[in-house]
C-alpha atoms as a PDB file:
ATOM      1  CA  MET A   1      75.637-185.552  64.651  1.00  0.00           C
ATOM      2  CA  THR A   2      74.115-189.236  64.681  1.00  0.00           C
ATOM      3  CA  SER A   3      70.596-189.768  63.645  1.00  0.00           C
ATOM      4  CA  VAL A   4      68.725-192.672  64.335  1.00  0.00           C
ATOM      5  CA  SER A   5      65.820-193.854  62.114  1.00  0.00           C
ATOM      6  CA  LEU A   6      63.338-196.806  61.733  1.00  0.00           C
ATOM      7  CA  GLY A   7      64.112-199.249  58.649  1.00  0.00           C
ATOM      8  CA  ASP A   8      61.075-199.739  56.447  1.00  0.00           C
ATOM      9  CA  LEU A   9      60.140-203.163  57.888  1.00  0.00           C
ATOM     10  CA  ALA A  10      60.314-201.841  61.338  1.00  0.00           C
ATOM     11  CA  GLN A  11      58.046-198.833  60.621  1.00  0.00           C
ATOM     12  CA  SER A  12      55.685-200.998  58.847  1.00  0.00           C
ATOM     13  CA  PHE A  13      55.455-203.112  61.928  1.00  0.00           C
ATOM     14  CA  MET A  14      55.055-200.216  63.992  1.00  0.00           C
ATOM     15  CA  LEU A  15      52.233-198.808  61.831  1.00  0.00           C
ATOM     16  CA  GLN A  16      50.299-202.332  61.925  1.00  0.00           C
ATOM     17  CA  ARG A  17      50.760-202.510  65.666  1.00  0.00           C
ATOM     18  CA  ARG A  18      49.358-198.936  66.285  1.00  0.00           C
ATOM     19  CA  SER A  19      46.423-199.673  63.776  1.00  0.00           C
ATOM     20  CA  VAL A  20      45.588-202.800  65.585  1.00  0.00           C
ATOM     21  CA  SER A  21      45.526-201.047  68.840  1.00  0.00           C
ATOM     22  CA  LEU A  22      43.257-198.552  67.622  1.00  0.00           C
ATOM     23  CA  ARG A  23      40.822-200.742  66.055  1.00  0.00           C
ATOM     24  CA  GLN A  24      40.579-202.500  69.387  1.00  0.00           C
ATOM     25  CA  ASP A  25      39.833-199.436  71.066  1.00  0.00           C
ATOM     26  CA  LEU A  26      37.426-198.508  68.527  1.00  0.00           C
ATOM     27  CA  ASN A  27      35.654-201.746  69.060  1.00  0.00           C
ATOM     28  CA  ARG A  28      35.610-201.514  72.691  1.00  0.00           C
ATOM     29  CA  LEU A  29      34.260-197.943  72.693  1.00  0.00           C
ATOM     30  CA  THR A  30      31.628-198.953  70.304  1.00  0.00           C
ATOM     31  CA  ASP A  31      30.437-201.790  72.553  1.00  0.00           C
ATOM     32  CA  GLU A  32      30.420-199.708  75.487  1.00  0.00           C
ATOM     33  CA  LEU A  33      28.537-196.823  73.688  1.00  0.00           C
ATOM     34  CA  SER A  34      25.735-199.103  72.204  1.00  0.00           C
ATOM     35  CA  SER A  35      25.483-201.250  75.370  1.00  0.00           C
ATOM     36  CA  GLY A  36      25.890-198.748  78.127  1.00  0.00           C
ATOM     37  CA  LYS A  37      28.382-200.786  80.115  1.00  0.00           C
ATOM     38  CA  VAL A  38      32.052-200.632  80.619  1.00  0.00           C
ATOM     39  CA  SER A  39      34.058-203.448  79.167  1.00  0.00           C
ATOM     40  CA  ASP A  40      37.008-203.639  81.644  1.00  0.00           C
ATOM     41  CA  ILE A  41      35.030-204.595  84.956  1.00  0.00           C
ATOM     42  CA  ARG A  42      38.253-204.905  86.649  1.00  0.00           C
ATOM     43  CA  GLU A  43      39.808-201.330  85.986  1.00  0.00           C
ATOM     44  CA  VAL A  44      36.494-199.814  87.278  1.00  0.00           C
ATOM     45  CA  LEU A  45      36.105-201.861  90.370  1.00  0.00           C
ATOM     46  CA  SER A  46      39.961-201.503  91.061  1.00  0.00           C
ATOM     47  CA  GLY A  47      40.021-205.131  91.797  1.00  0.00           C
ATOM     48  CA  ASN A  48      37.657-205.114  94.459  1.00  0.00           C
ATOM     49  CA  HIS A  49      34.694-207.438  93.201  1.00  0.00           C
ATOM     50  CA  ASN A  50      33.142-207.844  96.695  1.00  0.00           C
ATOM     51  CA  TYR A  51      30.281-205.332  96.094  1.00  0.00           C
ATOM     52  CA  LEU A  52      29.458-206.521  92.666  1.00  0.00           C
ATOM     53  CA  THR A  53      29.461-210.196  93.781  1.00  0.00           C
ATOM     54  CA  GLY A  54      27.224-209.152  96.660  1.00  0.00           C
ATOM     55  CA  LEU A  55      24.720-207.555  94.075  1.00  0.00           C
ATOM     56  CA  GLU A  56      24.886-210.384  92.125  1.00  0.00           C
ATOM     57  CA  ARG A  57      24.266-212.834  94.544  1.00  0.00           C
ATOM     58  CA  SER A  58      21.145-211.015  95.737  1.00  0.00           C
ATOM     59  CA  LEU A  59      19.689-210.963  92.292  1.00  0.00           C
ATOM     60  CA  GLU A  60      20.167-214.729  92.021  1.00  0.00           C
ATOM     61  CA  ILE A  61      18.414-215.246  95.274  1.00  0.00           C
ATOM     62  CA  LEU A  62      15.516-213.053  94.298  1.00  0.00           C
ATOM     63  CA  ASP A  63      15.084-214.922  91.130  1.00  0.00           C
ATOM     64  CA  GLY A  64      14.771-218.073  93.039  1.00  0.00           C
ATOM     65  CA  TYR A  65      12.216-216.489  95.223  1.00  0.00           C
ATOM     66  CA  SER A  66      10.428-215.311  92.095  1.00  0.00           C
ATOM     67  CA  VAL A  67      10.179-218.926  91.090  1.00  0.00           C
ATOM     68  CA  ALA A  68       8.784-220.064  94.464  1.00  0.00           C
ATOM     69  CA  ASN A  69       6.142-216.809  94.345  1.00  0.00           C
ATOM     70  CA  ALA A  70       5.022-218.141  90.846  1.00  0.00           C
ATOM     71  CA  GLU A  71       4.500-221.828  92.161  1.00  0.00           C
ATOM     72  CA  ALA A  72       2.808-220.560  95.140  1.00  0.00           C
ATOM     73  CA  LYS A  73       0.506-218.450  93.052  1.00  0.00           C
ATOM     74  CA  TYR A  74      -0.208-221.456  90.782  1.00  0.00           C
ATOM     75  CA  PHE A  75      -0.850-223.607  93.565  1.00  0.00           C
ATOM     76  CA  THR A  76      -3.193-221.605  95.446  1.00  0.00           C
ATOM     77  CA  GLY A  77      -5.180-220.388  92.124  1.00  0.00           C
ATOM     78  CA  ALA A  78      -5.606-224.157  91.481  1.00  0.00           C
ATOM     79  CA  MET A  79      -7.021-224.818  95.155  1.00  0.00           C
ATOM     80  CA  GLN A  80      -9.290-221.803  94.501  1.00  0.00           C
ATOM     81  CA  THR A  81     -10.716-223.299  91.184  1.00  0.00           C
ATOM     82  CA  ALA A  82     -11.181-226.926  92.741  1.00  0.00           C
ATOM     83  CA  LEU A  83     -12.809-225.559  95.684  1.00  0.00           C
ATOM     84  CA  ASP A  84     -15.044-223.240  93.879  1.00  0.00           C
ATOM     85  CA  ARG A  85     -16.136-226.251  91.799  1.00  0.00           C
ATOM     86  CA  VAL A  86     -16.750-228.246  94.827  1.00  0.00           C
ATOM     87  CA  GLN A  87     -18.743-225.495  96.278  1.00  0.00           C
ATOM     88  CA  THR A  88     -20.729-225.101  93.304  1.00  0.00           C
ATOM     89  CA  PHE A  89     -21.801-228.720  93.324  1.00  0.00           C
ATOM     90  CA  GLY A  90     -22.738-228.743  96.930  1.00  0.00           C
ATOM     91  CA  SER A  91     -24.833-225.576  96.393  1.00  0.00           C
ATOM     92  CA  ASP A  92     -26.478-226.702  93.257  1.00  0.00           C
ATOM     93  CA  LEU A  93     -27.030-230.112  94.768  1.00  0.00           C
ATOM     94  CA  GLY A  94     -28.690-228.569  98.117  1.00  0.00           C
ATOM     95  CA  LEU A  95     -31.411-226.680  96.266  1.00  0.00           C
ATOM     96  CA  ASP A  96     -32.115-229.515  94.081  1.00  0.00           C
ATOM     97  CA  LEU A  97     -32.694-232.022  97.026  1.00  0.00           C
ATOM     98  CA  LEU A  98     -34.860-229.224  98.853  1.00  0.00           C
ATOM     99  CA  LEU A  99     -36.879-228.900  95.680  1.00  0.00           C
ATOM    100  CA  ALA A 100     -37.063-232.502  95.064  1.00  0.00           C
ATOM    101  CA  SER A 101     -38.103-233.426  98.669  1.00  0.00           C
ATOM    102  CA  GLY A 102     -41.261-231.929  97.933  1.00  0.00           C
ATOM    103  CA  GLY A 103     -42.448-231.796 101.529  1.00  0.00           C
ATOM    104  CA  PRO A 104     -45.280-234.442 102.669  1.00  0.00           C
ATOM    105  CA  ILE A 105     -46.434-235.426  99.264  1.00  0.00           C
ATOM    106  CA  GLY A 106     -43.007-236.942  98.748  1.00  0.00           C
ATOM    107  CA  VAL A 107     -40.404-236.929  95.991  1.00  0.00           C
ATOM    108  CA  ILE A 108     -41.600-234.529  93.245  1.00  0.00           C
ATOM    109  CA  ALA A 109     -39.768-235.446  90.171  1.00  0.00           C
ATOM    110  CA  GLY A 110     -36.572-236.712  88.723  1.00  0.00           C
ATOM    111  CA  ASN A 111     -33.882-239.191  90.570  1.00  0.00           C
ATOM    112  CA  PRO A 112     -32.378-237.195  93.148  1.00  0.00           C
ATOM    113  CA  SER A 113     -30.052-239.786  94.418  1.00  0.00           C
ATOM    114  CA  GLU A 114     -28.668-240.311  90.893  1.00  0.00           C
ATOM    115  CA  ASN A 115     -28.102-236.596  90.794  1.00  0.00           C
ATOM    116  CA  ALA A 116     -26.223-236.623  94.265  1.00  0.00           C
ATOM    117  CA  ARG A 117     -23.925-239.406  92.739  1.00  0.00           C
ATOM    118  CA  THR A 118     -23.172-237.426  89.915  1.00  0.00           C
ATOM    119  CA  GLN A 119     -22.351-234.489  91.924  1.00  0.00           C
ATOM    120  CA  LEU A 120     -20.271-236.499  94.228  1.00  0.00           C
ATOM    121  CA  GLN A 121     -18.437-237.772  91.402  1.00  0.00           C
ATOM    122  CA  GLY A 122     -17.535-234.122  90.529  1.00  0.00           C
ATOM    123  CA  MET A 123     -16.332-233.377  94.020  1.00  0.00           C
ATOM    124  CA  ILE A 124     -14.224-236.275  94.389  1.00  0.00           C
ATOM    125  CA  ASN A 125     -12.423-235.587  91.179  1.00  0.00           C
ATOM    126  CA  SER A 126     -11.889-232.278  91.991  1.00  0.00           C
ATOM    127  CA  LEU A 127     -10.557-232.923  95.380  1.00  0.00           C
ATOM    128  CA  ASN A 128      -8.214-235.511  93.796  1.00  0.00           C
ATOM    129  CA  SER A 129      -6.959-233.183  91.064  1.00  0.00           C
ATOM    130  CA  ASP A 130      -3.184-232.467  91.120  1.00  0.00           C
ATOM    131  CA  ILE A 131      -0.816-229.908  89.750  1.00  0.00           C
ATOM    132  CA  ALA A 132       2.236-231.133  88.007  1.00  0.00           C
ATOM    133  CA  GLY A 133       1.682-234.621  89.542  1.00  0.00           C
ATOM    134  CA  ARG A 134       1.573-233.175  92.913  1.00  0.00           C
ATOM    135  CA  SER A 135      -1.869-234.020  94.877  1.00  0.00           C
ATOM    136  CA  MET A 136      -3.355-230.591  96.042  1.00  0.00           C
ATOM    137  CA  PHE A 137      -5.604-232.028  99.128  1.00  0.00           C
ATOM    138  CA  ALA A 138      -3.453-234.823 100.405  1.00  0.00           C
ATOM    139  CA  GLY A 139      -1.062-232.941 102.651  1.00  0.00           C
ATOM    140  CA  THR A 140       2.467-234.110 102.263  1.00  0.00           C
ATOM    141  CA  ALA A 141       1.373-237.418 100.532  1.00  0.00           C
ATOM    142  CA  THR A 142       1.473-235.334  97.377  1.00  0.00           C
ATOM    143  CA  ASP A 143       1.764-238.885  95.201  1.00  0.00           C
ATOM    144  CA  GLN A 144      -1.509-240.026  96.712  1.00  0.00           C
ATOM    145  CA  THR A 145      -5.168-239.353  95.699  1.00  0.00           C
ATOM    146  CA  PRO A 146      -6.658-238.328  98.951  1.00  0.00           C
ATOM    147  CA  LEU A 147     -10.392-239.874  98.370  1.00  0.00           C
ATOM    148  CA  PRO A 148     -11.743-243.270  97.192  1.00  0.00           C
ATOM    149  CA  ASN A 149     -13.590-243.305  94.040  1.00  0.00           C
ATOM    150  CA  VAL A 150     -17.412-242.833  94.248  1.00  0.00           C
ATOM    151  CA  GLU A 151     -18.343-246.665  94.357  1.00  0.00           C
ATOM    152  CA  ASP A 152     -15.855-247.174  97.274  1.00  0.00           C
ATOM    153  CA  LEU A 153     -16.917-244.279  99.244  1.00  0.00           C
ATOM    154  CA  LEU A 154     -20.568-245.466  98.880  1.00  0.00           C
ATOM    155  CA  ALA A 155     -20.011-248.760 100.145  1.00  0.00           C
ATOM    156  CA  LEU A 156     -18.008-247.659 103.073  1.00  0.00           C
ATOM    157  CA  VAL A 157     -20.937-245.305 104.233  1.00  0.00           C
ATOM    158  CA  ARG A 158     -23.759-247.757 103.388  1.00  0.00           C
ATOM    159  CA  THR A 159     -21.981-250.087 105.790  1.00  0.00           C
ATOM    160  CA  ALA A 160     -21.956-247.466 108.593  1.00  0.00           C
ATOM    161  CA  VAL A 161     -25.486-246.633 108.038  1.00  0.00           C
ATOM    162  CA  THR A 162     -27.123-250.139 107.450  1.00  0.00           C
ATOM    163  CA  GLY A 163     -29.484-251.128 109.989  1.00  0.00           C
ATOM    164  CA  GLN A 164     -30.876-247.863 110.537  1.00  0.00           C
ATOM    165  CA  THR A 165     -34.472-247.352 109.808  1.00  0.00           C
ATOM    166  CA  THR A 166     -35.260-243.623 110.039  1.00  0.00           C
ATOM    167  CA  PRO A 167     -33.776-240.772 108.212  1.00  0.00           C
ATOM    168  CA  GLU A 168     -32.580-239.215 111.096  1.00  0.00           C
ATOM    169  CA  ASP A 169     -30.840-242.311 112.456  1.00  0.00           C
ATOM    170  CA  ILE A 170     -29.103-242.567 108.978  1.00  0.00           C
ATOM    171  CA  VAL A 171     -27.824-239.303 108.986  1.00  0.00           C
ATOM    172  CA  ALA A 172     -26.795-239.752 112.714  1.00  0.00           C
ATOM    173  CA  ALA A 173     -24.802-242.945 111.864  1.00  0.00           C
ATOM    174  CA  ALA A 174     -23.119-241.156 109.068  1.00  0.00           C
ATOM    175  CA  GLU A 175     -22.147-238.249 110.971  1.00  0.00           C
ATOM    176  CA  THR A 176     -20.745-240.646 113.405  1.00  0.00           C
ATOM    177  CA  TRP A 177     -18.546-242.495 110.829  1.00  0.00           C
ATOM    178  CA  PHE A 178     -17.267-239.292 109.363  1.00  0.00           C
ATOM    179  CA  ASP A 179     -16.283-237.818 112.573  1.00  0.00           C
ATOM    180  CA  ASP A 180     -14.869-241.252 114.148  1.00  0.00           C
ATOM    181  CA  PRO A 181     -10.876-241.424 113.606  1.00  0.00           C
ATOM    182  CA  ALA A 182     -11.337-244.958 112.581  1.00  0.00           C
ATOM    183  CA  GLY A 183     -14.055-244.157 110.203  1.00  0.00           C
ATOM    184  CA  PHE A 184     -13.373-241.871 107.373  1.00  0.00           C
ATOM    185  CA  ASP A 185     -10.097-240.801 108.325  1.00  0.00           C
ATOM    186  CA  ALA A 186      -8.793-244.248 108.475  1.00  0.00           C
ATOM    187  CA  THR A 187     -10.586-246.163 105.653  1.00  0.00           C
ATOM    188  CA  ALA A 188     -11.463-243.307 103.124  1.00  0.00           C
ATOM    189  CA  TYR A 189      -8.803-240.689 103.550  1.00  0.00           C
ATOM    190  CA  SER A 190      -5.538-241.706 101.963  1.00  0.00           C
ATOM    191  CA  GLY A 191      -3.605-238.645 102.208  1.00  0.00           C
ATOM    192  CA  SER A 192      -1.424-237.297 105.106  1.00  0.00           C
ATOM    193  CA  THR A 193      -2.348-235.550 108.319  1.00  0.00           C
ATOM    194  CA  THR A 194       0.584-233.242 107.776  1.00  0.00           C
ATOM    195  CA  ALA A 195       0.334-230.111 106.124  1.00  0.00           C
ATOM    196  CA  LEU A 196       2.631-229.224 103.103  1.00  0.00           C
ATOM    197  CA  ALA A 197       5.966-227.767 103.673  1.00  0.00           C
ATOM    198  CA  PRO A 198       5.837-223.937 103.838  1.00  0.00           C
ATOM    199  CA  PHE A 199       6.446-222.028 100.252  1.00  0.00           C
ATOM    200  CA  VAL A 200       9.740-219.870 101.159  1.00  0.00           C
ATOM    201  CA  LEU A 201       9.098-216.576  99.563  1.00  0.00           C
ATOM    202  CA  SER A 202      11.600-214.479 100.857  1.00  0.00           C
ATOM    203  CA  GLU A 203      14.383-214.703 103.392  1.00  0.00           C
ATOM    204  CA  THR A 204      11.721-213.619 106.324  1.00  0.00           C
ATOM    205  CA  GLU A 205       8.671-214.713 104.554  1.00  0.00           C
ATOM    206  CA  ARG A 206       6.752-218.092 104.651  1.00  0.00           C
ATOM    207  CA  VAL A 207       3.565-219.071 103.821  1.00  0.00           C
ATOM    208  CA  THR A 208       1.605-222.514 104.606  1.00  0.00           C
ATOM    209  CA  LEU A 209      -1.134-224.039 102.693  1.00  0.00           C
ATOM    210  CA  ASP A 210      -2.966-226.363 105.026  1.00  0.00           C
ATOM    211  CA  VAL A 211      -6.138-227.613 103.120  1.00  0.00           C
ATOM    212  CA  ARG A 212      -6.746-231.281 102.913  1.00  0.00           C
ATOM    213  CA  ALA A 213      -9.664-233.447 101.755  1.00  0.00           C
ATOM    214  CA  ASP A 214     -10.156-234.588 105.594  1.00  0.00           C
ATOM    215  CA  ASP A 215     -10.993-230.845 106.490  1.00  0.00           C
ATOM    216  CA  ASP A 216     -14.313-230.677 108.370  1.00  0.00           C
ATOM    217  CA  ALA A 217     -15.855-228.325 105.831  1.00  0.00           C
ATOM    218  CA  LEU A 218     -15.315-230.905 103.258  1.00  0.00           C
ATOM    219  CA  LYS A 219     -16.184-233.915 105.022  1.00  0.00           C
ATOM    220  CA  ASN A 220     -19.381-232.507 105.920  1.00  0.00           C
ATOM    221  CA  LEU A 221     -19.963-231.939 102.524  1.00  0.00           C
ATOM    222  CA  LEU A 222     -19.197-235.185 101.427  1.00  0.00           C
ATOM    223  CA  LEU A 223     -21.482-236.760 104.167  1.00  0.00           C
ATOM    224  CA  HIS A 224     -24.445-235.007 103.173  1.00  0.00           C
ATOM    225  CA  THR A 225     -23.858-235.864  99.471  1.00  0.00           C
ATOM    226  CA  THR A 226     -23.226-239.741  99.857  1.00  0.00           C
ATOM    227  CA  VAL A 227     -26.213-240.254 102.229  1.00  0.00           C
ATOM    228  CA  ALA A 228     -28.540-238.368  99.586  1.00  0.00           C
ATOM    229  CA  ALA A 229     -27.068-240.621  97.039  1.00  0.00           C
ATOM    230  CA  LEU A 230     -27.931-243.910  99.126  1.00  0.00           C
ATOM    231  CA  ALA A 231     -31.619-242.543  99.945  1.00  0.00           C
ATOM    232  CA  ASP A 232     -32.897-245.071  97.091  1.00  0.00           C
ATOM    233  CA  ASP A 233     -30.488-247.940  97.980  1.00  0.00           C
ATOM    234  CA  PRO A 234     -32.435-251.167  98.657  1.00  0.00           C
ATOM    235  CA  VAL A 235     -30.273-251.928 101.590  1.00  0.00           C
ATOM    236  CA  LEU A 236     -31.796-249.174 103.390  1.00  0.00           C
ATOM    237  CA  GLY A 237     -35.118-250.050 102.605  1.00  0.00           C
ATOM    238  CA  LEU A 238     -36.859-246.576 102.625  1.00  0.00           C
ATOM    239  CA  ASP A 239     -40.054-245.813 101.359  1.00  0.00           C
ATOM    240  CA  VAL A 240     -40.864-242.720  99.066  1.00  0.00           C
ATOM    241  CA  SER A 241     -41.926-240.331 101.899  1.00  0.00           C
ATOM    242  CA  GLN A 242     -38.696-241.530 104.041  1.00  0.00           C
ATOM    243  CA  GLN A 243     -36.452-240.846 101.036  1.00  0.00           C
ATOM    244  CA  SER A 244     -38.161-237.259 100.777  1.00  0.00           C
ATOM    245  CA  GLU A 245     -37.666-236.718 104.101  1.00  0.00           C
ATOM    246  CA  LEU A 246     -33.893-237.600 103.961  1.00  0.00           C
ATOM    247  CA  PHE A 247     -33.488-235.518 100.867  1.00  0.00           C
ATOM    248  CA  GLY A 248     -34.999-232.470 102.839  1.00  0.00           C
ATOM    249  CA  ILE A 249     -32.230-233.214 105.743  1.00  0.00           C
ATOM    250  CA  THR A 250     -29.334-233.641 103.426  1.00  0.00           C
ATOM    251  CA  GLY A 251     -30.454-230.411 101.273  1.00  0.00           C
ATOM    252  CA  ILE A 252     -30.439-228.306 104.451  1.00  0.00           C
ATOM    253  CA  GLY A 253     -27.126-229.593 105.567  1.00  0.00           C
ATOM    254  CA  LEU A 254     -25.647-228.904 102.062  1.00  0.00           C
ATOM    255  CA  GLN A 255     -27.052-225.271 102.196  1.00  0.00           C
ATOM    256  CA  SER A 256     -25.644-224.899 105.683  1.00  0.00           C
ATOM    257  CA  ASN A 257     -22.320-226.113 104.869  1.00  0.00           C
ATOM    258  CA  GLN A 258     -21.739-223.192 102.226  1.00  0.00           C
ATOM    259  CA  ASP A 259     -20.601-220.933 105.161  1.00  0.00           C
ATOM    260  CA  GLN A 260     -17.941-223.335 106.159  1.00  0.00           C
ATOM    261  CA  LEU A 261     -16.688-223.615 102.352  1.00  0.00           C
ATOM    262  CA  THR A 262     -16.638-220.022 102.143  1.00  0.00           C
ATOM    263  CA  SER A 263     -14.595-219.510 105.219  1.00  0.00           C
ATOM    264  CA  LEU A 264     -12.084-222.152 103.918  1.00  0.00           C
ATOM    265  CA  ARG A 265     -11.729-220.429 100.497  1.00  0.00           C
ATOM    266  CA  ALA A 266     -11.354-217.108 102.391  1.00  0.00           C
ATOM    267  CA  ASP A 267      -8.254-218.577 104.246  1.00  0.00           C
ATOM    268  CA  ILE A 268      -6.728-219.376 101.059  1.00  0.00           C
ATOM    269  CA  GLY A 269      -7.686-216.063  99.490  1.00  0.00           C
ATOM    270  CA  PHE A 270      -5.772-214.356 102.598  1.00  0.00           C
ATOM    271  CA  THR A 271      -2.719-216.728 101.543  1.00  0.00           C
ATOM    272  CA  GLU A 272      -3.093-215.431  98.009  1.00  0.00           C
ATOM    273  CA  GLU A 273      -2.975-211.905  98.980  1.00  0.00           C
ATOM    274  CA  ARG A 274       0.077-212.395 101.039  1.00  0.00           C
ATOM    275  CA  ILE A 275       1.689-214.138  98.170  1.00  0.00           C
ATOM    276  CA  GLU A 276       1.104-211.007  96.149  1.00  0.00           C
ATOM    277  CA  MET A 277       2.490-208.521  98.567  1.00  0.00           C
ATOM    278  CA  ILE A 278       5.690-210.613  99.192  1.00  0.00           C
ATOM    279  CA  SER A 279       5.853-210.974  95.267  1.00  0.00           C
ATOM    280  CA  ALA A 280       5.639-207.375  94.860  1.00  0.00           C
ATOM    281  CA  ARG A 281       8.430-206.441  97.604  1.00  0.00           C
ATOM    282  CA  ASN A 282      10.739-208.751  96.032  1.00  0.00           C
ATOM    283  CA  GLN A 283      10.116-207.194  92.653  1.00  0.00           C
ATOM    284  CA  ALA A 284      10.875-203.825  94.136  1.00  0.00           C
ATOM    285  CA  GLU A 285      14.056-205.007  95.715  1.00  0.00           C
ATOM    286  CA  GLU A 286      15.037-206.875  92.698  1.00  0.00           C
ATOM    287  CA  THR A 287      14.582-203.483  90.458  1.00  0.00           C
ATOM    288  CA  SER A 288      16.601-201.470  92.808  1.00  0.00           C
ATOM    289  CA  THR A 289      19.558-204.122  93.100  1.00  0.00           C
ATOM    290  CA  GLU A 290      19.737-204.220  89.270  1.00  0.00           C
ATOM    291  CA  PHE A 291      19.769-200.297  89.199  1.00  0.00           C
ATOM    292  CA  ALA A 292      22.646-200.315  91.891  1.00  0.00           C
ATOM    293  CA  ARG A 293      24.503-202.913  89.746  1.00  0.00           C
ATOM    294  CA  ASN A 294      23.867-201.071  86.516  1.00  0.00           C
ATOM    295  CA  ALA A 295      25.082-197.788  88.234  1.00  0.00           C
ATOM    296  CA  LEU A 296      28.212-199.493  89.113  1.00  0.00           C
ATOM    297  CA  LEU A 297      29.093-200.730  85.680  1.00  0.00           C
ATOM    298  CA  GLU A 298      27.555-197.868  83.831  1.00  0.00           C
ATOM    299  CA  ALA A 299      29.580-196.246  81.072  1.00  0.00           C
ATOM    300  CA  ASP A 300      29.544-192.527  80.768  1.00  0.00           C
ATOM    301  CA  PRO A 301      27.892-191.852  77.341  1.00  0.00           C
ATOM    302  CA  PHE A 302      29.560-188.387  76.917  1.00  0.00           C
ATOM    303  CA  ARG A 303      33.006-189.458  78.062  1.00  0.00           C
ATOM    304  CA  THR A 304      32.713-192.754  75.539  1.00  0.00           C
ATOM    305  CA  ALA A 305      31.516-190.781  72.695  1.00  0.00           C
ATOM    306  CA  THR A 306      34.321-188.096  73.073  1.00  0.00           C
ATOM    307  CA  GLU A 307      37.165-191.144  73.392  1.00  0.00           C
ATOM    308  CA  LEU A 308      35.325-192.716  70.277  1.00  0.00           C
ATOM    309  CA  GLU A 309      35.720-189.760  68.300  1.00  0.00           C
ATOM    310  CA  SER A 310      39.300-189.190  69.519  1.00  0.00           C
ATOM    311  CA  VAL A 311      40.022-192.723  68.431  1.00  0.00           C
ATOM    312  CA  GLN A 312      38.448-192.390  65.263  1.00  0.00           C
ATOM    313  CA  PHE A 313      40.407-189.153  64.163  1.00  0.00           C
ATOM    314  CA  HIS A 314      43.601-190.997  65.060  1.00  0.00           C
ATOM    315  CA  LEU A 315      42.885-193.913  63.195  1.00  0.00           C
ATOM    316  CA  GLN A 316      42.175-191.877  60.060  1.00  0.00           C
ATOM    317  CA  SER A 317      45.333-189.936  60.711  1.00  0.00           C
ATOM    318  CA  LEU A 318      47.429-193.346  60.806  1.00  0.00           C
ATOM    319  CA  TYR A 319      45.646-194.472  57.563  1.00  0.00           C
ATOM    320  CA  SER A 320      46.719-191.117  55.863  1.00  0.00           C
ATOM    321  CA  VAL A 321      50.343-191.355  57.262  1.00  0.00           C
ATOM    322  CA  THR A 322      50.346-195.046  55.913  1.00  0.00           C
ATOM    323  CA  VAL A 323      49.228-194.154  52.620  1.00  0.00           C
ATOM    324  CA  ARG A 324      51.652-191.298  52.361  1.00  0.00           C
ATOM    325  CA  SER A 325      54.676-193.633  53.498  1.00  0.00           C
ATOM    326  CA  SER A 326      53.813-196.088  50.935  1.00  0.00           C
ATOM    327  CA  GLN A 327      54.045-193.546  48.234  1.00  0.00           C
ATOM    328  CA  LEU A 328      57.443-192.276  49.025  1.00  0.00           C
ATOM    329  CA  SER A 329      59.909-193.057  46.240  1.00  0.00           C
ATOM    330  CA  LEU A 330      63.487-191.915  45.899  1.00  0.00           C
ATOM    331  CA  VAL A 331      62.935-190.933  42.320  1.00  0.00           C
ATOM    332  CA  ASN A 332      60.752-187.997  43.741  1.00  0.00           C
ATOM    333  CA  PHE A 333      64.108-186.617  45.383  1.00  0.00           C
ATOM    334  CA  LEU A 334      66.494-186.861  42.644  1.00  0.00           C
END
C-alpha cells in the first residue's frame, strides 16, 4: 500500500499558514467583540449596500441640519441680546426724560440731551452689531452697517426739524422725516429692504428672521431719542421751558414705544421656540437612524465570544503540535 506524506518543509509551511489564518481570525473576533460591530460588512449585507448607504446619507443630511440649527439659534439669540439692550436704553432714557422735564418749572437737573446722545450711541452700536462679520439688522446686506454714526444721524434730523419753533412742531417734523421713504429710509438706513434668506432646518421646515433697523418700532425709538438729544441744540433755539416740554413729549414717546419693542422681541422668541422644536425632532430622527445602522452592523457578542474561544483553543492546539513536531528525532526510534 502506497502512503503519501508531507515533507518537513511543506509541513512547516502548512503550519505557518494555519497559524497566520488563526491569528487573523483572532484579531478580527477581538475587534468585533470590543467594538460591537462586524468587521466584514459585505458579508453581513450580502453585497446589498443600498439600505446602509441610505442610512448613512440620512445621517449626513441630519448633521448638516444640526449645523444650520446651531447657526439659527446663535443668530436669534444674538438678536434678542441686542434688542434687549436697545429696549433697556429706551426705557431708562424715557424715565430719565420724564423726570428731567420737571413739569412747569423747567428742567430739574443734569443734562438730559447729553444723556440722550449717550443712549443713542448705545442703540446704534447694538443695531449695527454683527455675528462673524454678518450684520444682523441690515437684511440681506450683511456686509453693511444699517445705521450711520450718532453725529451723522443727528445732523440729518437737525436738518429735518430746523425752522420749527415749538416742541410739537419739532416732533411732528421728525415723525414726517422718519416716515418719509425719501427721509430716514433713503438717507440714514443703509441696509437692505429684503429679509435674510430663510434658515433651512429640515427637509420641510424653514424659518425667516425679518428684523431690520428700519422696522417701525426701532425707527420710533430712534425718533424720540434723536429729538431729545437735539433739545439743547442752538440751531433749534428752544428756551428752558420748551426744552422741558420736549423732554416730556419724547419721554412719553419712548415709554409708549416699549410695547412695540416687546412685540418685536416676542416674534423673535416665537422663532426661537420653533428652532428648538425642529432641533429636537432632528435629534430624535438622528438617534433612531443611528440605532438602525448600528443594529444592521451589530456583532452578536455571544456568538463572537464563542468563536473567539474556539479560535484560541485551535491556536493553542496548533502551537502544541508545532512544538511536538519540532522535537521529533530519529534517535528516539532507534
